[in-house]
């Protein structure tokens, strides 16, 4: 049994595999929060000339990169396959072909080396990346999940217990950032380059902030269109457009977070997902938590983007929740899912 109990505290070594989109990542986690190694191979150069991620190219790159990363991770950690207690792999949501590469590899390794295999929801991985930053977070935690595919406001009452309070009604904020960045003529990665451009502006162009009240939903389609049209009309005001877009995009999130903090009185405010690497957003959420008098947590920027360490920690906690299962007959009967809600 690999689960910590009152009588024993067995160390669990988890191998994480992440291939949901355009980053191939392998990590090794010791127990619940010690990252031994976290390797990430970016595909930005392969997709740059297309202006976005091409699913077929992403899948082929995962095939090329995954085995070398697995070998490098074990070598850097100075471990062998027999030292691993658990394999955690993203099985959704994401690009179907990309997910299949990671899932097939994890199943094969699990079968070949007789290691339990735990499928992980990619969004749960993002949420639990907060526990890599602060392992002893208090519940309930209000968590804002912001990425290229998601803009979700999640209330986490305990491990595995999630309630989605709000979501995007159209584009996710990361998708909007990337599309507006493209309209502004900025290179990949769009979101980080748009933020850099916004920080150079002396003033911001004014854009309307969508209001989905009384729900906690957000909408970015209109803002994306308005900013893209402004780029065509005012090509000499790119920094101002970037600053105005960013201000309006973050204003929606902050308003909803502040309303949820008032209504649900959580003990912790968490921020995660690729867009959580945005310094302006991090500052806004820190300020909201400070004013509410609660703890704020956000992972290091490298753990905000897609990575296998977050998959490993999510797999670790899922493994704990399934402690009563007989892992000597571990089932590999799970599949990749392009759509897979966490709540």
C-alpha atoms as a PDB file:
ATOM      1  CA  UNK A   1       0.000   0.000   0.000  1.00  0.00           C
ATOM      2  CA  UNK A   2       1.442   3.343  -1.053  1.00  0.00           C
ATOM      3  CA  UNK A   3      -0.918   5.583   0.899  1.00  0.00           C
ATOM      4  CA  UNK A   4       0.122   7.560   3.952  1.00  0.00           C
ATOM      5  CA  UNK A   5      -1.784   6.553   7.085  1.00  0.00           C
ATOM      6  CA  UNK A   6      -1.492   7.255  10.784  1.00  0.00           C
ATOM      7  CA  UNK A   7       0.638   4.112  11.145  1.00  0.00           C
ATOM      8  CA  UNK A   8       2.905   4.566   8.142  1.00  0.00           C
ATOM      9  CA  UNK A   9       4.218   7.312   5.930  1.00  0.00           C
ATOM     10  CA  UNK A  10       5.415   5.493   2.827  1.00  0.00           C
ATOM     11  CA  UNK A  11       7.052   7.754   0.265  1.00  0.00           C
ATOM     12  CA  UNK A  12       5.245   7.828  -3.075  1.00  0.00           C
ATOM     13  CA  UNK A  13       7.219   8.518  -6.255  1.00  0.00           C
ATOM     14  CA  UNK A  14       4.924   9.620  -9.088  1.00  0.00           C
ATOM     15  CA  UNK A  15       5.775   9.952 -12.760  1.00  0.00           C
ATOM     16  CA  UNK A  16       3.612  12.563 -14.509  1.00  0.00           C
ATOM     17  CA  UNK A  17       2.992  12.710 -18.277  1.00  0.00           C
ATOM     18  CA  UNK A  18       1.335  15.694 -20.001  1.00  0.00           C
ATOM     19  CA  UNK A  19       0.580  15.854 -23.758  1.00  0.00           C
ATOM     20  CA  UNK A  20      -2.777  17.629 -23.932  1.00  0.00           C
ATOM     21  CA  UNK A  21      -1.809  20.382 -26.376  1.00  0.00           C
ATOM     22  CA  UNK A  22       1.504  21.677 -27.700  1.00  0.00           C
ATOM     23  CA  UNK A  23       3.892  21.037 -24.820  1.00  0.00           C
ATOM     24  CA  UNK A  24       5.382  17.649 -24.067  1.00  0.00           C
ATOM     25  CA  UNK A  25       6.186  17.308 -20.385  1.00  0.00           C
ATOM     26  CA  UNK A  26       7.437  14.638 -18.008  1.00  0.00           C
ATOM     27  CA  UNK A  27       7.861  15.141 -14.256  1.00  0.00           C
ATOM     28  CA  UNK A  28       8.758  13.126 -11.199  1.00  0.00           C
ATOM     29  CA  UNK A  29       7.139  14.069  -7.897  1.00  0.00           C
ATOM     30  CA  UNK A  30       8.195  12.876  -4.456  1.00  0.00           C
ATOM     31  CA  UNK A  31       5.140  12.588  -2.188  1.00  0.00           C
ATOM     32  CA  UNK A  32       2.690  15.454  -2.471  1.00  0.00           C
ATOM     33  CA  UNK A  33       4.802  18.516  -3.264  1.00  0.00           C
ATOM     34  CA  UNK A  34       8.513  17.853  -3.860  1.00  0.00           C
ATOM     35  CA  UNK A  35       9.258  18.244  -7.562  1.00  0.00           C
ATOM     36  CA  UNK A  36      12.294  16.107  -8.338  1.00  0.00           C
ATOM     37  CA  UNK A  37      12.308  16.951 -12.037  1.00  0.00           C
ATOM     38  CA  UNK A  38       9.881  18.755 -14.364  1.00  0.00           C
ATOM     39  CA  UNK A  39      10.873  18.734 -18.031  1.00  0.00           C
ATOM     40  CA  UNK A  40       8.897  20.705 -20.619  1.00  0.00           C
ATOM     41  CA  UNK A  41       9.558  20.645 -24.364  1.00  0.00           C
ATOM     42  CA  UNK A  42       7.895  23.552 -26.138  1.00  0.00           C
ATOM     43  CA  UNK A  43       6.628  23.335 -29.717  1.00  0.00           C
ATOM     44  CA  UNK A  44       6.344  27.093 -30.338  1.00  0.00           C
ATOM     45  CA  UNK A  45       8.846  27.066 -33.201  1.00  0.00           C
ATOM     46  CA  UNK A  46       6.960  24.279 -34.996  1.00  0.00           C
ATOM     47  CA  UNK A  47       3.659  26.181 -34.906  1.00  0.00           C
ATOM     48  CA  UNK A  48       4.961  29.761 -35.264  1.00  0.00           C
ATOM     49  CA  UNK A  49       4.451  30.152 -39.008  1.00  0.00           C
ATOM     50  CA  UNK A  50       0.860  28.917 -38.767  1.00  0.00           C
ATOM     51  CA  UNK A  51      -0.121  31.523 -36.169  1.00  0.00           C
ATOM     52  CA  UNK A  52      -1.499  28.873 -33.793  1.00  0.00           C
ATOM     53  CA  UNK A  53      -1.334  25.238 -32.735  1.00  0.00           C
ATOM     54  CA  UNK A  54      -1.784  22.686 -35.539  1.00  0.00           C
ATOM     55  CA  UNK A  55      -3.153  19.479 -33.911  1.00  0.00           C
ATOM     56  CA  UNK A  56      -1.465  17.044 -36.313  1.00  0.00           C
ATOM     57  CA  UNK A  57       1.930  18.701 -35.847  1.00  0.00           C
ATOM     58  CA  UNK A  58       1.439  18.694 -32.077  1.00  0.00           C
ATOM     59  CA  UNK A  59       0.753  14.943 -32.079  1.00  0.00           C
ATOM     60  CA  UNK A  60       3.811  14.166 -34.193  1.00  0.00           C
ATOM     61  CA  UNK A  61       6.022  16.299 -31.959  1.00  0.00           C
ATOM     62  CA  UNK A  62       4.773  14.459 -28.870  1.00  0.00           C
ATOM     63  CA  UNK A  63       5.728  11.169 -30.533  1.00  0.00           C
ATOM     64  CA  UNK A  64       9.233  12.506 -31.206  1.00  0.00           C
ATOM     65  CA  UNK A  65       9.797  14.053 -27.792  1.00  0.00           C
ATOM     66  CA  UNK A  66       8.130  11.832 -25.196  1.00  0.00           C
ATOM     67  CA  UNK A  67      10.567   8.901 -25.054  1.00  0.00           C
ATOM     68  CA  UNK A  68      13.680  11.118 -24.830  1.00  0.00           C
ATOM     69  CA  UNK A  69      12.020  13.150 -22.063  1.00  0.00           C
ATOM     70  CA  UNK A  70      11.128  10.000 -20.115  1.00  0.00           C
ATOM     71  CA  UNK A  71      14.714   8.826 -20.283  1.00  0.00           C
ATOM     72  CA  UNK A  72      16.080  12.243 -19.311  1.00  0.00           C
ATOM     73  CA  UNK A  73      13.695  12.522 -16.354  1.00  0.00           C
ATOM     74  CA  UNK A  74      14.752   9.173 -14.886  1.00  0.00           C
ATOM     75  CA  UNK A  75      18.413   9.968 -15.480  1.00  0.00           C
ATOM     76  CA  UNK A  76      18.201  13.393 -13.817  1.00  0.00           C
ATOM     77  CA  UNK A  77      16.273  11.950 -10.868  1.00  0.00           C
ATOM     78  CA  UNK A  78      18.725   9.032 -10.653  1.00  0.00           C
ATOM     79  CA  UNK A  79      15.835   6.571 -10.594  1.00  0.00           C
ATOM     80  CA  UNK A  80      14.896   3.342 -12.349  1.00  0.00           C
ATOM     81  CA  UNK A  81      11.447   2.152 -13.390  1.00  0.00           C
ATOM     82  CA  UNK A  82      11.291  -0.111 -10.334  1.00  0.00           C
ATOM     83  CA  UNK A  83      11.593   2.988  -8.117  1.00  0.00           C
ATOM     84  CA  UNK A  84       8.292   4.445  -9.368  1.00  0.00           C
ATOM     85  CA  UNK A  85       5.064   3.856  -7.445  1.00  0.00           C
ATOM     86  CA  UNK A  86       2.562   5.560  -9.735  1.00  0.00           C
ATOM     87  CA  UNK A  87       2.147   6.876 -13.282  1.00  0.00           C
ATOM     88  CA  UNK A  88      -0.217   9.835 -13.727  1.00  0.00           C
ATOM     89  CA  UNK A  89      -1.240  10.904 -17.228  1.00  0.00           C
ATOM     90  CA  UNK A  90      -3.531  13.552 -18.692  1.00  0.00           C
ATOM     91  CA  UNK A  91      -6.492  11.863 -20.396  1.00  0.00           C
ATOM     92  CA  UNK A  92      -8.491  15.029 -21.125  1.00  0.00           C
ATOM     93  CA  UNK A  93      -9.529  17.621 -21.992  1.00  0.00           C
ATOM     94  CA  UNK A  94      -7.287  18.575 -24.881  1.00  0.00           C
ATOM     95  CA  UNK A  95      -6.423  17.753 -28.474  1.00  0.00           C
ATOM     96  CA  UNK A  96      -7.517  14.174 -29.135  1.00  0.00           C
ATOM     97  CA  UNK A  97      -4.436  13.100 -31.062  1.00  0.00           C
ATOM     98  CA  UNK A  98      -2.053  14.741 -28.623  1.00  0.00           C
ATOM     99  CA  UNK A  99      -3.753  13.126 -25.631  1.00  0.00           C
ATOM    100  CA  UNK A 100      -3.594   9.702 -27.255  1.00  0.00           C
ATOM    101  CA  UNK A 101       0.205   9.852 -27.376  1.00  0.00           C
ATOM    102  CA  UNK A 102       0.498  10.356 -23.619  1.00  0.00           C
ATOM    103  CA  UNK A 103      -2.261   7.910 -22.717  1.00  0.00           C
ATOM    104  CA  UNK A 104      -0.825   5.136 -24.922  1.00  0.00           C
ATOM    105  CA  UNK A 105       2.643   5.659 -23.476  1.00  0.00           C
ATOM    106  CA  UNK A 106       1.385   5.631 -19.882  1.00  0.00           C
ATOM    107  CA  UNK A 107      -0.620   2.451 -20.411  1.00  0.00           C
ATOM    108  CA  UNK A 108       2.321   0.695 -22.046  1.00  0.00           C
ATOM    109  CA  UNK A 109       4.702   1.706 -19.256  1.00  0.00           C
ATOM    110  CA  UNK A 110       2.182   0.702 -16.604  1.00  0.00           C
ATOM    111  CA  UNK A 111       1.730  -2.742 -18.159  1.00  0.00           C
ATOM    112  CA  UNK A 112       5.404  -3.333 -18.873  1.00  0.00           C
ATOM    113  CA  UNK A 113       6.682  -2.304 -15.435  1.00  0.00           C
ATOM    114  CA  UNK A 114       3.643  -3.282 -13.308  1.00  0.00           C
ATOM    115  CA  UNK A 115       3.123   0.284 -12.042  1.00  0.00           C
ATOM    116  CA  UNK A 116      -0.371   1.598 -11.202  1.00  0.00           C
ATOM    117  CA  UNK A 117      -1.634   4.135 -13.743  1.00  0.00           C
ATOM    118  CA  UNK A 118      -3.900   7.034 -12.789  1.00  0.00           C
ATOM    119  CA  UNK A 119      -5.760   9.063 -15.443  1.00  0.00           C
ATOM    120  CA  UNK A 120      -5.912  12.774 -14.599  1.00  0.00           C
ATOM    121  CA  UNK A 121      -8.228  15.579 -15.673  1.00  0.00           C
ATOM    122  CA  UNK A 122      -6.050  18.365 -17.071  1.00  0.00           C
ATOM    123  CA  UNK A 123      -8.108  21.067 -15.322  1.00  0.00           C
ATOM    124  CA  UNK A 124      -7.841  19.279 -11.986  1.00  0.00           C
ATOM    125  CA  UNK A 125      -4.104  19.274 -12.594  1.00  0.00           C
ATOM    126  CA  UNK A 126      -4.144  23.053 -12.963  1.00  0.00           C
ATOM    127  CA  UNK A 127      -6.228  23.434  -9.791  1.00  0.00           C
ATOM    128  CA  UNK A 128      -3.958  21.173  -7.752  1.00  0.00           C
ATOM    129  CA  UNK A 129      -0.844  22.971  -8.997  1.00  0.00           C
ATOM    130  CA  UNK A 130      -1.705  25.427  -6.231  1.00  0.00           C
ATOM    131  CA  UNK A 131      -0.819  22.679  -3.732  1.00  0.00           C
ATOM    132  CA  UNK A 132       2.681  22.551  -5.163  1.00  0.00           C
ATOM    133  CA  UNK A 133       3.031  26.185  -4.081  1.00  0.00           C
ATOM    134  CA  UNK A 134       1.323  25.757  -0.681  1.00  0.00           C
ATOM    135  CA  UNK A 135       0.708  22.083   0.264  1.00  0.00           C
ATOM    136  CA  UNK A 136      -1.478  22.850   3.293  1.00  0.00           C
ATOM    137  CA  UNK A 137      -4.106  25.136   1.768  1.00  0.00           C
ATOM    138  CA  UNK A 138      -7.320  25.578   3.730  1.00  0.00           C
ATOM    139  CA  UNK A 139     -10.728  24.671   2.286  1.00  0.00           C
ATOM    140  CA  UNK A 140     -12.979  25.800   0.828  1.00  0.00           C
ATOM    141  CA  UNK A 141     -10.848  27.279  -1.946  1.00  0.00           C
ATOM    142  CA  UNK A 142     -12.227  29.544  -4.647  1.00  0.00           C
ATOM    143  CA  UNK A 143     -10.101  28.859  -7.717  1.00  0.00           C
ATOM    144  CA  UNK A 144      -9.963  30.851 -10.943  1.00  0.00           C
ATOM    145  CA  UNK A 145      -8.854  28.592 -13.807  1.00  0.00           C
ATOM    146  CA  UNK A 146      -7.772  30.645 -16.814  1.00  0.00           C
ATOM    147  CA  UNK A 147      -6.141  29.139 -19.889  1.00  0.00           C
ATOM    148  CA  UNK A 148      -6.391  28.871 -23.648  1.00  0.00           C
ATOM    149  CA  UNK A 149      -9.436  26.631 -23.354  1.00  0.00           C
ATOM    150  CA  UNK A 150     -10.995  27.543 -20.015  1.00  0.00           C
ATOM    151  CA  UNK A 151     -12.212  30.478 -17.968  1.00  0.00           C
ATOM    152  CA  UNK A 152     -13.788  28.694 -15.014  1.00  0.00           C
ATOM    153  CA  UNK A 153     -14.540  29.843 -11.492  1.00  0.00           C
ATOM    154  CA  UNK A 154     -14.409  26.722  -9.308  1.00  0.00           C
ATOM    155  CA  UNK A 155     -15.326  26.255  -5.653  1.00  0.00           C
ATOM    156  CA  UNK A 156     -13.201  23.413  -4.264  1.00  0.00           C
ATOM    157  CA  UNK A 157     -14.594  22.089  -0.975  1.00  0.00           C
ATOM    158  CA  UNK A 158     -12.080  19.235  -0.648  1.00  0.00           C
ATOM    159  CA  UNK A 159      -9.949  17.016  -2.856  1.00  0.00           C
ATOM    160  CA  UNK A 160     -12.126  15.733  -5.668  1.00  0.00           C
ATOM    161  CA  UNK A 161     -15.118  17.898  -4.679  1.00  0.00           C
ATOM    162  CA  UNK A 162     -15.630  20.744  -7.146  1.00  0.00           C
ATOM    163  CA  UNK A 163     -18.491  23.073  -7.987  1.00  0.00           C
ATOM    164  CA  UNK A 164     -18.228  25.204 -11.101  1.00  0.00           C
ATOM    165  CA  UNK A 165     -19.744  28.598 -10.301  1.00  0.00           C
ATOM    166  CA  UNK A 166     -19.094  30.218 -13.656  1.00  0.00           C
ATOM    167  CA  UNK A 167     -17.523  29.684 -17.061  1.00  0.00           C
ATOM    168  CA  UNK A 168     -17.018  31.449 -20.364  1.00  0.00           C
ATOM    169  CA  UNK A 169     -20.052  31.617 -22.612  1.00  0.00           C
ATOM    170  CA  UNK A 170     -17.899  31.762 -25.748  1.00  0.00           C
ATOM    171  CA  UNK A 171     -14.125  32.257 -25.969  1.00  0.00           C
ATOM    172  CA  UNK A 172     -11.783  31.409 -23.120  1.00  0.00           C
ATOM    173  CA  UNK A 173      -9.619  34.302 -21.970  1.00  0.00           C
ATOM    174  CA  UNK A 174      -6.401  32.662 -23.201  1.00  0.00           C
ATOM    175  CA  UNK A 175      -7.931  32.077 -26.623  1.00  0.00           C
ATOM    176  CA  UNK A 176      -9.034  35.720 -26.735  1.00  0.00           C
ATOM    177  CA  UNK A 177      -5.540  36.888 -25.766  1.00  0.00           C
ATOM    178  CA  UNK A 178      -3.994  34.791 -28.540  1.00  0.00           C
ATOM    179  CA  UNK A 179      -6.467  35.889 -31.228  1.00  0.00           C
ATOM    180  CA  UNK A 180      -6.157  39.569 -30.336  1.00  0.00           C
ATOM    181  CA  UNK A 181      -2.369  39.220 -30.275  1.00  0.00           C
ATOM    182  CA  UNK A 182      -2.531  37.816 -33.797  1.00  0.00           C
ATOM    183  CA  UNK A 183      -4.729  40.723 -34.911  1.00  0.00           C
ATOM    184  CA  UNK A 184      -2.172  43.115 -33.428  1.00  0.00           C
ATOM    185  CA  UNK A 185       0.602  41.437 -35.418  1.00  0.00           C
ATOM    186  CA  UNK A 186       2.336  39.932 -32.373  1.00  0.00           C
ATOM    187  CA  UNK A 187       4.212  36.596 -32.595  1.00  0.00           C
ATOM    188  CA  UNK A 188       3.629  33.421 -30.591  1.00  0.00           C
ATOM    189  CA  UNK A 189       3.187  33.007 -27.702  1.00  0.00           C
ATOM    190  CA  UNK A 190       0.398  35.535 -28.155  1.00  0.00           C
ATOM    191  CA  UNK A 191      -0.720  36.062 -24.563  1.00  0.00           C
ATOM    192  CA  UNK A 192       2.703  36.847 -23.047  1.00  0.00           C
ATOM    193  CA  UNK A 193       3.614  39.114 -25.979  1.00  0.00           C
ATOM    194  CA  UNK A 194       0.318  41.002 -25.681  1.00  0.00           C
ATOM    195  CA  UNK A 195       0.992  41.561 -21.986  1.00  0.00           C
ATOM    196  CA  UNK A 196       4.461  42.918 -22.778  1.00  0.00           C
ATOM    197  CA  UNK A 197       2.995  45.263 -25.379  1.00  0.00           C
ATOM    198  CA  UNK A 198       0.299  46.447 -22.958  1.00  0.00           C
ATOM    199  CA  UNK A 199       2.917  47.364 -20.363  1.00  0.00           C
ATOM    200  CA  UNK A 200       4.548  49.779 -22.834  1.00  0.00           C
ATOM    201  CA  UNK A 201       1.364  51.851 -23.260  1.00  0.00           C
ATOM    202  CA  UNK A 202       1.088  55.239 -21.568  1.00  0.00           C
ATOM    203  CA  UNK A 203      -2.704  54.988 -21.748  1.00  0.00           C
ATOM    204  CA  UNK A 204      -5.299  52.337 -22.546  1.00  0.00           C
ATOM    205  CA  UNK A 205      -7.977  52.379 -25.196  1.00  0.00           C
ATOM    206  CA  UNK A 206     -11.425  52.035 -23.649  1.00  0.00           C
ATOM    207  CA  UNK A 207     -13.397  48.843 -24.271  1.00  0.00           C
ATOM    208  CA  UNK A 208     -16.705  47.787 -22.750  1.00  0.00           C
ATOM    209  CA  UNK A 209     -16.583  45.183 -20.003  1.00  0.00           C
ATOM    210  CA  UNK A 210     -19.122  42.374 -20.456  1.00  0.00           C
ATOM    211  CA  UNK A 211     -21.494  41.811 -17.554  1.00  0.00           C
ATOM    212  CA  UNK A 212     -23.134  38.392 -17.185  1.00  0.00           C
ATOM    213  CA  UNK A 213     -24.661  39.025 -13.749  1.00  0.00           C
ATOM    214  CA  UNK A 214     -26.332  37.546 -11.798  1.00  0.00           C
ATOM    215  CA  UNK A 215     -24.295  34.549 -13.036  1.00  0.00           C
ATOM    216  CA  UNK A 216     -20.550  34.206 -12.534  1.00  0.00           C
ATOM    217  CA  UNK A 217     -20.031  33.632 -16.273  1.00  0.00           C
ATOM    218  CA  UNK A 218     -17.756  35.677 -18.516  1.00  0.00           C
ATOM    219  CA  UNK A 219     -17.782  36.506 -22.225  1.00  0.00           C
ATOM    220  CA  UNK A 220     -14.811  37.406 -24.410  1.00  0.00           C
ATOM    221  CA  UNK A 221     -16.152  37.150 -27.966  1.00  0.00           C
ATOM    222  CA  UNK A 222     -17.321  40.769 -28.116  1.00  0.00           C
ATOM    223  CA  UNK A 223     -14.162  42.138 -26.530  1.00  0.00           C
ATOM    224  CA  UNK A 224     -12.005  40.072 -28.904  1.00  0.00           C
ATOM    225  CA  UNK A 225     -13.905  41.408 -31.920  1.00  0.00           C
ATOM    226  CA  UNK A 226     -13.765  45.018 -30.697  1.00  0.00           C
ATOM    227  CA  UNK A 227     -10.007  44.869 -30.104  1.00  0.00           C
ATOM    228  CA  UNK A 228      -9.365  43.190 -33.465  1.00  0.00           C
ATOM    229  CA  UNK A 229     -11.411  45.829 -35.283  1.00  0.00           C
ATOM    230  CA  UNK A 230      -9.574  48.594 -33.410  1.00  0.00           C
ATOM    231  CA  UNK A 231      -6.276  47.130 -34.634  1.00  0.00           C
ATOM    232  CA  UNK A 232      -7.442  47.532 -38.227  1.00  0.00           C
ATOM    233  CA  UNK A 233      -8.778  51.053 -37.638  1.00  0.00           C
ATOM    234  CA  UNK A 234      -5.907  52.354 -35.503  1.00  0.00           C
ATOM    235  CA  UNK A 235      -2.742  50.518 -36.608  1.00  0.00           C
ATOM    236  CA  UNK A 236      -0.598  53.200 -34.951  1.00  0.00           C
ATOM    237  CA  UNK A 237      -2.121  52.525 -31.502  1.00  0.00           C
ATOM    238  CA  UNK A 238      -1.180  48.884 -30.931  1.00  0.00           C
ATOM    239  CA  UNK A 239       0.118  49.370 -27.345  1.00  0.00           C
ATOM    240  CA  UNK A 240      -3.025  51.298 -26.343  1.00  0.00           C
ATOM    241  CA  UNK A 241      -5.271  48.596 -27.831  1.00  0.00           C
ATOM    242  CA  UNK A 242      -3.318  45.862 -26.028  1.00  0.00           C
ATOM    243  CA  UNK A 243      -3.571  47.743 -22.722  1.00  0.00           C
ATOM    244  CA  UNK A 244      -7.284  48.382 -23.166  1.00  0.00           C
ATOM    245  CA  UNK A 245      -8.010  44.774 -24.067  1.00  0.00           C
ATOM    246  CA  UNK A 246      -6.075  43.486 -21.061  1.00  0.00           C
ATOM    247  CA  UNK A 247      -7.765  45.925 -18.675  1.00  0.00           C
ATOM    248  CA  UNK A 248     -11.267  44.922 -19.836  1.00  0.00           C
ATOM    249  CA  UNK A 249     -10.430  41.192 -19.887  1.00  0.00           C
ATOM    250  CA  UNK A 250      -9.140  41.179 -16.311  1.00  0.00           C
ATOM    251  CA  UNK A 251     -11.921  43.472 -15.038  1.00  0.00           C
ATOM    252  CA  UNK A 252     -14.521  40.769 -15.805  1.00  0.00           C
ATOM    253  CA  UNK A 253     -12.626  38.173 -13.829  1.00  0.00           C
ATOM    254  CA  UNK A 254     -11.948  40.416 -10.860  1.00  0.00           C
ATOM    255  CA  UNK A 255     -15.571  41.492 -10.538  1.00  0.00           C
ATOM    256  CA  UNK A 256     -16.787  37.893 -10.515  1.00  0.00           C
ATOM    257  CA  UNK A 257     -14.108  36.790  -8.071  1.00  0.00           C
ATOM    258  CA  UNK A 258     -14.969  39.606  -5.667  1.00  0.00           C
ATOM    259  CA  UNK A 259     -18.682  38.717  -5.852  1.00  0.00           C
ATOM    260  CA  UNK A 260     -17.907  35.029  -5.193  1.00  0.00           C
ATOM    261  CA  UNK A 261     -15.627  35.900  -2.270  1.00  0.00           C
ATOM    262  CA  UNK A 262     -18.486  37.822  -0.688  1.00  0.00           C
ATOM    263  CA  UNK A 263     -21.085  35.125  -1.301  1.00  0.00           C
ATOM    264  CA  UNK A 264     -19.167  31.930  -0.466  1.00  0.00           C
ATOM    265  CA  UNK A 265     -16.624  33.178   2.118  1.00  0.00           C
ATOM    266  CA  UNK A 266     -13.786  30.801   1.101  1.00  0.00           C
ATOM    267  CA  UNK A 267     -10.633  30.412   3.154  1.00  0.00           C
ATOM    268  CA  UNK A 268      -8.357  30.555   0.115  1.00  0.00           C
ATOM    269  CA  UNK A 269      -8.308  32.208  -3.301  1.00  0.00           C
ATOM    270  CA  UNK A 270      -6.343  30.277  -5.897  1.00  0.00           C
ATOM    271  CA  UNK A 271      -5.294  31.227  -9.412  1.00  0.00           C
ATOM    272  CA  UNK A 272      -4.078  28.724 -12.019  1.00  0.00           C
ATOM    273  CA  UNK A 273      -3.837  27.942 -15.719  1.00  0.00           C
ATOM    274  CA  UNK A 274      -1.647  29.388 -18.443  1.00  0.00           C
ATOM    275  CA  UNK A 275      -3.051  32.912 -18.171  1.00  0.00           C
ATOM    276  CA  UNK A 276      -2.226  32.865 -14.437  1.00  0.00           C
ATOM    277  CA  UNK A 277       1.349  33.617 -15.520  1.00  0.00           C
ATOM    278  CA  UNK A 278       0.121  37.116 -16.462  1.00  0.00           C
ATOM    279  CA  UNK A 279       1.614  39.512 -13.898  1.00  0.00           C
ATOM    280  CA  UNK A 280      -1.244  42.022 -14.142  1.00  0.00           C
ATOM    281  CA  UNK A 281      -3.827  39.316 -13.445  1.00  0.00           C
ATOM    282  CA  UNK A 282      -1.765  37.937 -10.563  1.00  0.00           C
ATOM    283  CA  UNK A 283      -1.623  41.403  -9.030  1.00  0.00           C
ATOM    284  CA  UNK A 284      -5.377  41.917  -9.411  1.00  0.00           C
ATOM    285  CA  UNK A 285      -6.206  38.609  -7.702  1.00  0.00           C
ATOM    286  CA  UNK A 286      -3.687  39.224  -4.923  1.00  0.00           C
ATOM    287  CA  UNK A 287      -5.336  42.590  -4.279  1.00  0.00           C
ATOM    288  CA  UNK A 288      -8.822  41.024  -4.234  1.00  0.00           C
ATOM    289  CA  UNK A 289      -7.709  38.387  -1.719  1.00  0.00           C
ATOM    290  CA  UNK A 290      -5.967  40.956   0.467  1.00  0.00           C
ATOM    291  CA  UNK A 291      -9.077  43.139   0.598  1.00  0.00           C
ATOM    292  CA  UNK A 292     -11.161  40.077   1.513  1.00  0.00           C
ATOM    293  CA  UNK A 293      -8.678  39.153   4.250  1.00  0.00           C
ATOM    294  CA  UNK A 294      -7.967  35.644   2.943  1.00  0.00           C
ATOM    295  CA  UNK A 295      -4.961  33.670   1.757  1.00  0.00           C
ATOM    296  CA  UNK A 296      -3.970  33.931  -1.911  1.00  0.00           C
ATOM    297  CA  UNK A 297      -2.031  31.275  -3.795  1.00  0.00           C
ATOM    298  CA  UNK A 298      -0.712  31.072  -7.338  1.00  0.00           C
ATOM    299  CA  UNK A 299       1.928  28.610  -8.615  1.00  0.00           C
ATOM    300  CA  UNK A 300       5.292  29.672 -10.001  1.00  0.00           C
ATOM    301  CA  UNK A 301       4.884  30.836 -13.589  1.00  0.00           C
ATOM    302  CA  UNK A 302       6.467  27.672 -14.996  1.00  0.00           C
ATOM    303  CA  UNK A 303       3.755  25.657 -13.207  1.00  0.00           C
ATOM    304  CA  UNK A 304       0.945  27.803 -14.612  1.00  0.00           C
ATOM    305  CA  UNK A 305       1.510  26.683 -18.182  1.00  0.00           C
ATOM    306  CA  UNK A 306       0.948  23.041 -19.167  1.00  0.00           C
ATOM    307  CA  UNK A 307       3.370  20.823 -17.257  1.00  0.00           C
ATOM    308  CA  UNK A 308       3.607  17.294 -15.909  1.00  0.00           C
ATOM    309  CA  UNK A 309       4.291  18.253 -12.283  1.00  0.00           C
ATOM    310  CA  UNK A 310       0.678  19.381 -11.901  1.00  0.00           C
ATOM    311  CA  UNK A 311      -0.482  16.091 -13.447  1.00  0.00           C
ATOM    312  CA  UNK A 312       1.699  14.168 -11.009  1.00  0.00           C
ATOM    313  CA  UNK A 313       0.286  15.973  -7.955  1.00  0.00           C
ATOM    314  CA  UNK A 314      -3.288  15.484  -9.185  1.00  0.00           C
ATOM    315  CA  UNK A 315      -2.530  11.810  -9.765  1.00  0.00           C
ATOM    316  CA  UNK A 316      -1.074  11.541  -6.266  1.00  0.00           C
ATOM    317  CA  UNK A 317      -4.257  12.843  -4.641  1.00  0.00           C
ATOM    318  CA  UNK A 318      -6.517  10.741  -6.883  1.00  0.00           C
ATOM    319  CA  UNK A 319      -4.392   7.744  -5.907  1.00  0.00           C
ATOM    320  CA  UNK A 320      -4.950   8.549  -2.221  1.00  0.00           C
ATOM    321  CA  UNK A 321      -8.695   8.782  -2.780  1.00  0.00           C
ATOM    322  CA  UNK A 322      -8.671   5.301  -4.339  1.00  0.00           C
ATOM    323  CA  UNK A 323      -6.595   3.736  -1.563  1.00  0.00           C
ATOM    324  CA  UNK A 324      -9.070   0.923  -1.069  1.00  0.00           C
ATOM    325  CA  UNK A 325      -8.522  -0.379  -4.611  1.00  0.00           C
ATOM    326  CA  UNK A 326      -6.348  -3.403  -5.299  1.00  0.00           C
ATOM    327  CA  UNK A 327      -3.647  -1.945  -7.536  1.00  0.00           C
ATOM    328  CA  UNK A 328      -2.197  -5.383  -8.248  1.00  0.00           C
ATOM    329  CA  UNK A 329      -5.049  -5.687 -10.754  1.00  0.00           C
ATOM    330  CA  UNK A 330      -4.995  -2.047 -11.829  1.00  0.00           C
ATOM    331  CA  UNK A 331      -7.386  -1.407 -14.704  1.00  0.00           C
ATOM    332  CA  UNK A 332      -6.094   0.368 -17.798  1.00  0.00           C
ATOM    333  CA  UNK A 333      -9.625   0.700 -19.116  1.00  0.00           C
ATOM    334  CA  UNK A 334      -9.648   4.459 -19.648  1.00  0.00           C
ATOM    335  CA  UNK A 335      -9.503   6.543 -22.804  1.00  0.00           C
ATOM    336  CA  UNK A 336      -8.490  10.017 -23.979  1.00  0.00           C
ATOM    337  CA  UNK A 337     -11.295  12.602 -24.011  1.00  0.00           C
ATOM    338  CA  UNK A 338     -11.100  15.881 -25.900  1.00  0.00           C
ATOM    339  CA  UNK A 339     -13.913  17.219 -23.672  1.00  0.00           C
ATOM    340  CA  UNK A 340     -13.809  16.321 -19.986  1.00  0.00           C
ATOM    341  CA  UNK A 341     -15.391  18.660 -17.408  1.00  0.00           C
ATOM    342  CA  UNK A 342     -13.958  18.738 -13.896  1.00  0.00           C
ATOM    343  CA  UNK A 343     -17.207  19.973 -12.354  1.00  0.00           C
END
